[in-house]
Amino acid sequence: MKNYRTLKQNGQHELIIKKSRFICTLARTETEEEAQQFIDTLKKEHWKANHNCSAYLIGEDGMIQRASDDGEPSGTAGVPMLEVLKKNNLQNVTAVVTRYFGGTKLGAGGLIRAYSGAVSETLKELGIVEKRRHQFIQITVSYPVSGKLQNALHQSTYRLESIDYTDQVTFICLIESERIQTFEEEITEWTSAQFSQTNGAEAWVEVPVDG
């Protein structure tokens, strides 16, 4: 699976537009089943609301996309919400905008702006992260080599997670998958090829996305 952007944290944000309440709730959802359960939960919670419109993107490159206007005029709610998720290149995110009607009709253009705006504002409040695939790599060297290697790692941009001291010294690093080859080349240079390497588990690391 490629690196991808998703929601930093689940949460909710509310807008008041011409006396109507637009409550946007966003959540990470890994599967379509999770997305539907999340939508159903909010519909039950806000059963008195006039509308609970929804949109979600699931899977690599937005493989699964769904949008619902939930009674609003066709194309004025779910699709505009979905477009905001797509514009931000998000994956595995579900949005629900709950509307409590305030008595003033907004018209098609007003609804589109309200529903897309609710999702945009909530994304700004909650934040976006990029999930980047990493791998744990153990580099083991002798004590005479360890000092130079430790200094080089500290001065680099690589993540040094821990150091184990036994009969030799093992540096446990967490390396972005796309940088593993470069990392191995630099380790070879820093140690004059006097090291042993063990590749461990893969992990996702979340990096905040500005803007």
Foldseek 3Di string as FASTA:
>chain_A
DAKFKAFPAWDWDWDADPQKIKIKTKDFAADVVRQVVVQVVVCVVVVVFPAWWKWAAYDDPSPDIDTGPRPDPPPQAGVLCNVLCVVVRYYRMMMIITIHDRPDDLPSVRSSCVRNVRNVVVCVVRFMWIKFKKWKKKKKAAPVLVVQVVVVVVPDPWAFDDWDDDNIIITITIGGPVCVVVVVVVVCVSRVNGIDMDIGDMDIDIGTDDD
